[in-house]
C-alpha atoms as a PDB file:
ATOM      1  CA  MET A   1      -0.496  -0.334  -0.005  1.00  0.00           C
ATOM      2  CA  LYS A   2       2.699   2.344   0.381  1.00  0.00           C
ATOM      3  CA  SER A   3       4.875   2.071  -2.769  1.00  0.00           C
ATOM      4  CA  ILE A   4       0.787   3.000  -4.468  1.00  0.00           C
ATOM      5  CA  VAL A   5       0.575   6.215  -2.050  1.00  0.00           C
ATOM      6  CA  THR A   6       3.363   7.288  -2.456  1.00  0.00           C
ATOM      7  CA  PHE A   7       3.646   6.443  -6.267  1.00  0.00           C
ATOM      8  CA  ALA A   8       0.306   8.784  -6.409  1.00  0.00           C
ATOM      9  CA  LEU A   9       1.876  11.659  -4.597  1.00  0.00           C
ATOM     10  CA  ASN A  10       4.819  11.639  -7.002  1.00  0.00           C
ATOM     11  CA  THR A  11       2.919  11.481 -10.002  1.00  0.00           C
ATOM     12  CA  GLY A  12      -0.117  12.631  -9.310  1.00  0.00           C
ATOM     13  CA  CYS A  13      -2.396   9.733 -10.644  1.00  0.00           C
ATOM     14  CA  ARG A  14      -5.625   9.123  -9.842  1.00  0.00           C
ATOM     15  CA  LYS A  15      -6.113   5.299  -8.012  1.00  0.00           C
ATOM     16  CA  GLY A  16      -7.403   3.842 -11.320  1.00  0.00           C
ATOM     17  CA  GLU A  17      -5.348   5.203 -13.256  1.00  0.00           C
ATOM     18  CA  ILE A  18      -2.657   3.760 -10.744  1.00  0.00           C
ATOM     19  CA  LEU A  19      -4.411   0.369  -9.936  1.00  0.00           C
ATOM     20  CA  ASN A  20      -4.986   0.343 -14.565  1.00  0.00           C
ATOM     21  CA  LEU A  21      -1.470   0.661 -15.402  1.00  0.00           C
ATOM     22  CA  ARG A  22       0.661  -1.620 -17.690  1.00  0.00           C
ATOM     23  CA  ARG A  23       4.189  -1.964 -18.912  1.00  0.00           C
ATOM     24  CA  HIS A  24       3.420  -0.467 -22.467  1.00  0.00           C
ATOM     25  CA  ASN A  25       2.565   3.337 -20.652  1.00  0.00           C
ATOM     26  CA  VAL A  26       6.177   3.082 -19.301  1.00  0.00           C
ATOM     27  CA  ASP A  27       9.026   4.349 -20.229  1.00  0.00           C
ATOM     28  CA  LEU A  28      11.836   4.713 -17.864  1.00  0.00           C
ATOM     29  CA  LYS A  29      14.588   5.565 -20.963  1.00  0.00           C
ATOM     30  CA  HIS A  30      12.836   8.674 -21.603  1.00  0.00           C
ATOM     31  CA  GLY A  31      11.351   9.119 -18.019  1.00  0.00           C
ATOM     32  CA  PHE A  32       7.396   9.410 -18.656  1.00  0.00           C
ATOM     33  CA  ILE A  33       5.044   7.420 -18.018  1.00  0.00           C
ATOM     34  CA  LEU A  34       1.658   7.612 -21.022  1.00  0.00           C
ATOM     35  CA  LEU A  35      -1.868   7.632 -19.954  1.00  0.00           C
ATOM     36  CA  ASP A  36      -4.420   6.746 -22.329  1.00  0.00           C
ATOM     37  CA  LYS A  37      -7.549   6.346 -20.719  1.00  0.00           C
ATOM     38  CA  THR A  38      -8.022   9.319 -18.054  1.00  0.00           C
ATOM     39  CA  LYS A  39     -11.503  10.325 -16.433  1.00  0.00           C
ATOM     40  CA  ASN A  40     -12.076  13.211 -18.557  1.00  0.00           C
ATOM     41  CA  GLY A  41     -10.737  11.327 -21.319  1.00  0.00           C
ATOM     42  CA  ASP A  42      -7.671  13.380 -22.590  1.00  0.00           C
ATOM     43  CA  ARG A  43      -3.872  11.795 -22.630  1.00  0.00           C
ATOM     44  CA  ARG A  44      -1.271  12.277 -20.597  1.00  0.00           C
ATOM     45  CA  GLU A  45       2.200  12.246 -19.998  1.00  0.00           C
ATOM     46  CA  ILE A  46       3.223  12.488 -16.414  1.00  0.00           C
ATOM     47  CA  PRO A  47       7.489  12.528 -16.049  1.00  0.00           C
ATOM     48  CA  ILE A  48       9.364  10.215 -13.631  1.00  0.00           C
ATOM     49  CA  ASN A  49      11.664  11.693 -11.527  1.00  0.00           C
ATOM     50  CA  ASP A  50      13.678   9.320  -9.008  1.00  0.00           C
ATOM     51  CA  THR A  51      11.563   8.185  -6.015  1.00  0.00           C
ATOM     52  CA  VAL A  52       8.817   6.819  -8.710  1.00  0.00           C
ATOM     53  CA  ARG A  53      11.786   5.389 -11.275  1.00  0.00           C
ATOM     54  CA  GLY A  54      12.983   2.840  -7.372  1.00  0.00           C
ATOM     55  CA  ILE A  55       9.504   1.824  -6.621  1.00  0.00           C
ATOM     56  CA  LEU A  56       8.979   0.935 -10.579  1.00  0.00           C
ATOM     57  CA  GLN A  57      12.262  -0.132 -11.166  1.00  0.00           C
ATOM     58  CA  GLY A  58      11.840  -2.261  -7.993  1.00  0.00           C
ATOM     59  CA  LEU A  59       8.710  -4.206  -8.988  1.00  0.00           C
ATOM     60  CA  THR A  60       8.680  -7.973 -10.002  1.00  0.00           C
ATOM     61  CA  ARG A  61       8.304  -8.611 -13.811  1.00  0.00           C
ATOM     62  CA  ARG A  62       5.976 -11.515 -14.567  1.00  0.00           C
ATOM     63  CA  LEU A  63       6.189 -11.867 -18.658  1.00  0.00           C
ATOM     64  CA  ASP A  64       3.323 -13.796 -18.844  1.00  0.00           C
ATOM     65  CA  ASP A  65       1.221 -10.363 -17.221  1.00  0.00           C
ATOM     66  CA  ASP A  66       1.752  -6.467 -18.614  1.00  0.00           C
ATOM     67  CA  CYS A  67       0.015  -5.671 -15.212  1.00  0.00           C
ATOM     68  CA  LEU A  68       2.140  -3.544 -13.164  1.00  0.00           C
ATOM     69  CA  CYS A  69       1.488  -4.622  -9.613  1.00  0.00           C
ATOM     70  CA  LEU A  70       1.726  -2.128  -7.407  1.00  0.00           C
ATOM     71  CA  PHE A  71       0.784  -3.312  -4.301  1.00  0.00           C
END
């Protein structure tokens, strides 16, 4: 739960955006997260800071799943 709250505080993402985040939305090389489906229907690019980068790099990766499980 701590990683979800920390992620939200550092990105400004809503709960639904975080829970529906997929690996293809994250570009660590260029340092941004692309959200296609937001509450108001707009696409958003969210910059990745060092805290968020650490959270994302620390996630366990499953090869058969595109989901980013922050909990």
